[in-house]
Amino acid sequence: AREVLGWTGVVAKAFVLNAVAEFGDRTQIAIVVLCVDYNPVFVAIGALVAFLFVTAGAVFLGHFLSDRISERIVTYFAGGLFLLFGAIAIAQILLG
């Protein structure tokens, strides 16, 4: 069953999930490197605008697909990709 959240709950949940998922990823490291050569305020503005567009695209695509594809299919597909990428990573480690 889908839990019912007010708009503040949705905003808080989206914030926490994005903050945890994005912490320490390559994008964050690239932004740190950009701050070495450029004004950090402008780097932050550029990063925020880029993140806004990427996130908005994901939201609209998710909303569009939510009426057409079941959540179960998306879950299985994402799980399958996770397993595939894990197998590829393990193969690369074992095979050099």
N, C-alpha and C. Protein backbone atom coordinates (compact mmCIF):
# COMPACT_ATOMS: atom_id res chain seq x y z
N ALA A 1 0.85 -1.19 0.00
CA ALA A 1 0.00 0.00 0.00
C ALA A 1 0.88 1.24 0.00
N ARG A 2 0.48 2.21 -0.76
CA ARG A 2 1.24 3.44 -0.88
C ARG A 2 0.90 4.35 0.30
N GLU A 3 1.95 4.87 0.99
CA GLU A 3 1.69 5.75 2.13
C GLU A 3 1.27 7.13 1.63
N VAL A 4 0.41 7.78 2.40
CA VAL A 4 -0.08 9.10 2.03
C VAL A 4 0.74 10.14 2.79
N LEU A 5 1.40 11.01 2.04
CA LEU A 5 2.22 12.06 2.62
C LEU A 5 1.70 13.42 2.16
N GLY A 6 1.79 14.40 3.04
CA GLY A 6 1.52 15.77 2.62
C GLY A 6 2.70 16.26 1.79
N TRP A 7 2.59 17.46 1.24
CA TRP A 7 3.65 17.96 0.38
C TRP A 7 4.97 18.10 1.13
N THR A 8 4.92 18.45 2.42
CA THR A 8 6.18 18.57 3.17
C THR A 8 6.83 17.21 3.37
N GLY A 9 6.02 16.18 3.56
CA GLY A 9 6.57 14.83 3.69
C GLY A 9 7.22 14.35 2.41
N VAL A 10 6.58 14.67 1.29
CA VAL A 10 7.13 14.28 -0.01
C VAL A 10 8.45 15.01 -0.25
N VAL A 11 8.47 16.31 0.04
CA VAL A 11 9.69 17.10 -0.14
C VAL A 11 10.80 16.56 0.76
N ALA A 12 10.49 16.28 2.01
CA ALA A 12 11.49 15.77 2.93
C ALA A 12 12.01 14.41 2.48
N LYS A 13 11.12 13.54 2.05
CA LYS A 13 11.54 12.21 1.60
C LYS A 13 12.42 12.30 0.36
N ALA A 14 12.02 13.14 -0.61
CA ALA A 14 12.82 13.32 -1.83
C ALA A 14 14.20 13.90 -1.49
N PHE A 15 14.23 14.86 -0.57
CA PHE A 15 15.50 15.47 -0.18
C PHE A 15 16.44 14.44 0.44
N VAL A 16 15.93 13.69 1.39
CA VAL A 16 16.77 12.71 2.08
C VAL A 16 17.26 11.64 1.12
N LEU A 17 16.37 11.11 0.28
CA LEU A 17 16.77 10.06 -0.66
C LEU A 17 17.83 10.56 -1.63
N ASN A 18 17.65 11.79 -2.15
CA ASN A 18 18.65 12.34 -3.07
C ASN A 18 19.96 12.64 -2.36
N ALA A 19 19.90 13.18 -1.17
CA ALA A 19 21.12 13.51 -0.44
C ALA A 19 21.93 12.26 -0.14
N VAL A 20 21.27 11.21 0.28
CA VAL A 20 21.98 9.96 0.60
C VAL A 20 22.52 9.31 -0.67
N ALA A 21 21.71 9.29 -1.73
CA ALA A 21 22.11 8.62 -2.97
C ALA A 21 23.25 9.35 -3.67
N GLU A 22 23.28 10.66 -3.58
CA GLU A 22 24.26 11.44 -4.33
C GLU A 22 25.54 11.71 -3.54
N PHE A 23 25.54 11.44 -2.24
CA PHE A 23 26.71 11.78 -1.42
C PHE A 23 27.93 10.98 -1.86
N GLY A 24 28.99 11.69 -2.21
CA GLY A 24 30.25 11.05 -2.57
C GLY A 24 30.33 10.48 -3.97
N ASP A 25 29.38 10.79 -4.83
CA ASP A 25 29.43 10.24 -6.19
C ASP A 25 30.39 11.06 -7.05
N ARG A 26 30.58 10.63 -8.29
CA ARG A 26 31.54 11.29 -9.18
C ARG A 26 31.17 12.74 -9.47
N THR A 27 29.88 13.03 -9.52
CA THR A 27 29.45 14.41 -9.77
C THR A 27 29.93 15.33 -8.66
N GLN A 28 29.79 14.88 -7.44
CA GLN A 28 30.21 15.69 -6.31
C GLN A 28 31.73 15.93 -6.36
N ILE A 29 32.47 14.93 -6.72
CA ILE A 29 33.93 15.08 -6.82
C ILE A 29 34.28 16.04 -7.95
N ALA A 30 33.56 15.96 -9.07
CA ALA A 30 33.80 16.88 -10.18
C ALA A 30 33.51 18.33 -9.77
N ILE A 31 32.49 18.52 -8.97
CA ILE A 31 32.16 19.87 -8.51
C ILE A 31 33.26 20.41 -7.60
N VAL A 32 33.79 19.57 -6.75
CA VAL A 32 34.90 19.98 -5.88
C VAL A 32 36.10 20.41 -6.73
N VAL A 33 36.40 19.64 -7.76
CA VAL A 33 37.52 19.97 -8.65
C VAL A 33 37.26 21.29 -9.37
N LEU A 34 36.02 21.52 -9.83
CA LEU A 34 35.70 22.78 -10.48
C LEU A 34 35.89 23.97 -9.54
N CYS A 35 35.59 23.77 -8.27
CA CYS A 35 35.73 24.86 -7.29
C CYS A 35 37.18 25.28 -7.08
N VAL A 36 38.12 24.42 -7.44
CA VAL A 36 39.53 24.77 -7.33
C VAL A 36 39.88 25.87 -8.33
N ASP A 37 39.32 25.78 -9.54
CA ASP A 37 39.68 26.73 -10.60
C ASP A 37 38.69 27.87 -10.78
N TYR A 38 37.45 27.71 -10.31
CA TYR A 38 36.42 28.71 -10.59
C TYR A 38 35.74 29.16 -9.30
N ASN A 39 35.00 30.24 -9.40
CA ASN A 39 34.27 30.80 -8.28
C ASN A 39 33.26 29.77 -7.76
N PRO A 40 33.38 29.37 -6.50
CA PRO A 40 32.48 28.35 -5.95
C PRO A 40 31.00 28.72 -6.02
N VAL A 41 30.68 29.99 -5.93
CA VAL A 41 29.28 30.41 -6.01
C VAL A 41 28.72 30.09 -7.40
N PHE A 42 29.49 30.39 -8.43
CA PHE A 42 29.02 30.09 -9.79
C PHE A 42 28.98 28.60 -10.07
N VAL A 43 29.93 27.88 -9.51
CA VAL A 43 29.92 26.42 -9.65
C VAL A 43 28.68 25.85 -8.97
N ALA A 44 28.37 26.35 -7.78
CA ALA A 44 27.19 25.87 -7.05
C ALA A 44 25.91 26.18 -7.82
N ILE A 45 25.82 27.39 -8.39
CA ILE A 45 24.63 27.76 -9.17
C ILE A 45 24.50 26.83 -10.38
N GLY A 46 25.59 26.61 -11.09
CA GLY A 46 25.55 25.71 -12.25
C GLY A 46 25.16 24.29 -11.87
N ALA A 47 25.72 23.81 -10.76
CA ALA A 47 25.40 22.45 -10.31
C ALA A 47 23.94 22.34 -9.89
N LEU A 48 23.43 23.35 -9.20
CA LEU A 48 22.03 23.33 -8.77
C LEU A 48 21.07 23.36 -9.95
N VAL A 49 21.38 24.18 -10.94
CA VAL A 49 20.52 24.25 -12.13
C VAL A 49 20.55 22.91 -12.88
N ALA A 50 21.74 22.35 -13.02
CA ALA A 50 21.85 21.05 -13.70
C ALA A 50 21.08 19.98 -12.94
N PHE A 51 21.22 19.96 -11.61
CA PHE A 51 20.52 18.97 -10.80
C PHE A 51 19.00 19.17 -10.89
N LEU A 52 18.57 20.43 -10.95
CA LEU A 52 17.15 20.73 -11.11
C LEU A 52 16.61 20.11 -12.40
N PHE A 53 17.32 20.30 -13.50
CA PHE A 53 16.85 19.77 -14.78
C PHE A 53 16.88 18.24 -14.82
N VAL A 54 17.93 17.65 -14.28
CA VAL A 54 18.03 16.19 -14.26
C VAL A 54 16.92 15.60 -13.39
N THR A 55 16.71 16.19 -12.22
CA THR A 55 15.68 15.69 -11.32
C THR A 55 14.29 15.91 -11.90
N ALA A 56 14.05 17.07 -12.49
CA ALA A 56 12.74 17.34 -13.10
C ALA A 56 12.46 16.34 -14.23
N GLY A 57 13.47 16.04 -15.02
CA GLY A 57 13.30 15.05 -16.08
C GLY A 57 12.93 13.69 -15.51
N ALA A 58 13.59 13.29 -14.42
CA ALA A 58 13.28 12.00 -13.79
C ALA A 58 11.86 12.00 -13.22
N VAL A 59 11.46 13.12 -12.63
CA VAL A 59 10.11 13.21 -12.06
C VAL A 59 9.06 13.10 -13.15
N PHE A 60 9.21 13.87 -14.22
CA PHE A 60 8.22 13.84 -15.29
C PHE A 60 8.20 12.49 -16.01
N LEU A 61 9.37 11.90 -16.23
CA LEU A 61 9.41 10.58 -16.85
C LEU A 61 8.77 9.54 -15.94
N GLY A 62 9.07 9.62 -14.65
CA GLY A 62 8.47 8.69 -13.70
C GLY A 62 6.96 8.83 -13.65
N HIS A 63 6.48 10.07 -13.67
CA HIS A 63 5.04 10.29 -13.67
C HIS A 63 4.39 9.76 -14.95
N PHE A 64 5.05 10.00 -16.07
CA PHE A 64 4.55 9.52 -17.36
C PHE A 64 4.48 7.99 -17.39
N LEU A 65 5.54 7.35 -16.92
CA LEU A 65 5.61 5.89 -16.96
C LEU A 65 4.76 5.21 -15.89
N SER A 66 4.43 5.94 -14.81
CA SER A 66 3.69 5.32 -13.71
C SER A 66 2.32 4.82 -14.13
N ASP A 67 1.73 5.43 -15.14
CA ASP A 67 0.42 4.98 -15.63
C ASP A 67 0.55 3.87 -16.67
N ARG A 68 1.76 3.61 -17.15
CA ARG A 68 1.95 2.68 -18.26
C ARG A 68 2.70 1.40 -17.88
N ILE A 69 3.52 1.47 -16.84
CA ILE A 69 4.33 0.33 -16.43
C ILE A 69 4.11 0.11 -14.93
N SER A 70 3.94 -1.14 -14.53
CA SER A 70 3.71 -1.41 -13.11
C SER A 70 5.00 -1.22 -12.31
N GLU A 71 4.83 -0.90 -11.05
CA GLU A 71 5.97 -0.71 -10.16
C GLU A 71 6.77 -2.01 -10.02
N ARG A 72 6.09 -3.12 -10.08
CA ARG A 72 6.76 -4.43 -9.97
C ARG A 72 7.74 -4.64 -11.12
N ILE A 73 7.33 -4.29 -12.33
CA ILE A 73 8.22 -4.44 -13.51
C ILE A 73 9.44 -3.55 -13.36
N VAL A 74 9.23 -2.31 -12.93
CA VAL A 74 10.35 -1.39 -12.74
C VAL A 74 11.31 -1.93 -11.68
N THR A 75 10.76 -2.48 -10.59
CA THR A 75 11.58 -3.04 -9.53
C THR A 75 12.40 -4.22 -10.02
N TYR A 76 11.77 -5.12 -10.76
CA TYR A 76 12.51 -6.28 -11.30
C TYR A 76 13.58 -5.84 -12.30
N PHE A 77 13.24 -4.87 -13.14
CA PHE A 77 14.20 -4.37 -14.13
C PHE A 77 15.41 -3.74 -13.43
N ALA A 78 15.14 -2.89 -12.43
CA ALA A 78 16.23 -2.24 -11.70
C ALA A 78 17.07 -3.28 -10.96
N GLY A 79 16.42 -4.26 -10.36
CA GLY A 79 17.16 -5.33 -9.68
C GLY A 79 18.02 -6.12 -10.64
N GLY A 80 17.47 -6.41 -11.82
CA GLY A 80 18.23 -7.13 -12.84
C GLY A 80 19.45 -6.35 -13.30
N LEU A 81 19.28 -5.03 -13.49
CA LEU A 81 20.42 -4.20 -13.87
C LEU A 81 21.47 -4.18 -12.76
N PHE A 82 21.03 -4.09 -11.52
CA PHE A 82 21.95 -4.10 -10.39
C PHE A 82 22.77 -5.39 -10.37
N LEU A 83 22.10 -6.51 -10.57
CA LEU A 83 22.80 -7.80 -10.59
C LEU A 83 23.76 -7.89 -11.78
N LEU A 84 23.32 -7.40 -12.94
CA LEU A 84 24.17 -7.41 -14.13
C LEU A 84 25.43 -6.59 -13.92
N PHE A 85 25.27 -5.37 -13.41
CA PHE A 85 26.43 -4.51 -13.18
C PHE A 85 27.35 -5.11 -12.12
N GLY A 86 26.77 -5.74 -11.11
CA GLY A 86 27.58 -6.42 -10.10
C GLY A 86 28.38 -7.56 -10.70
N ALA A 87 27.74 -8.35 -11.57
CA ALA A 87 28.43 -9.47 -12.21
C ALA A 87 29.55 -8.96 -13.12
N ILE A 88 29.30 -7.88 -13.83
CA ILE A 88 30.34 -7.29 -14.69
C ILE A 88 31.52 -6.81 -13.84
N ALA A 89 31.23 -6.16 -12.72
CA ALA A 89 32.30 -5.66 -11.85
C ALA A 89 33.12 -6.82 -11.29
N ILE A 90 32.44 -7.87 -10.87
CA ILE A 90 33.16 -9.04 -10.33
C ILE A 90 34.01 -9.70 -11.42
N ALA A 91 33.46 -9.81 -12.64
CA ALA A 91 34.21 -10.40 -13.75
C ALA A 91 35.45 -9.57 -14.07
N GLN A 92 35.31 -8.25 -14.05
CA GLN A 92 36.47 -7.38 -14.31
C GLN A 92 37.54 -7.55 -13.25
N ILE A 93 37.12 -7.71 -12.02
CA ILE A 93 38.11 -7.92 -10.94
C ILE A 93 38.82 -9.27 -11.10
N LEU A 94 38.04 -10.30 -11.38
CA LEU A 94 38.63 -11.64 -11.49
C LEU A 94 39.48 -11.83 -12.74
N LEU A 95 39.07 -11.19 -13.83
CA LEU A 95 39.78 -11.36 -15.10
C LEU A 95 40.86 -10.31 -15.33
N GLY A 96 40.92 -9.36 -14.45
CA GLY A 96 41.98 -8.34 -14.56
C GLY A 96 41.60 -7.28 -15.49
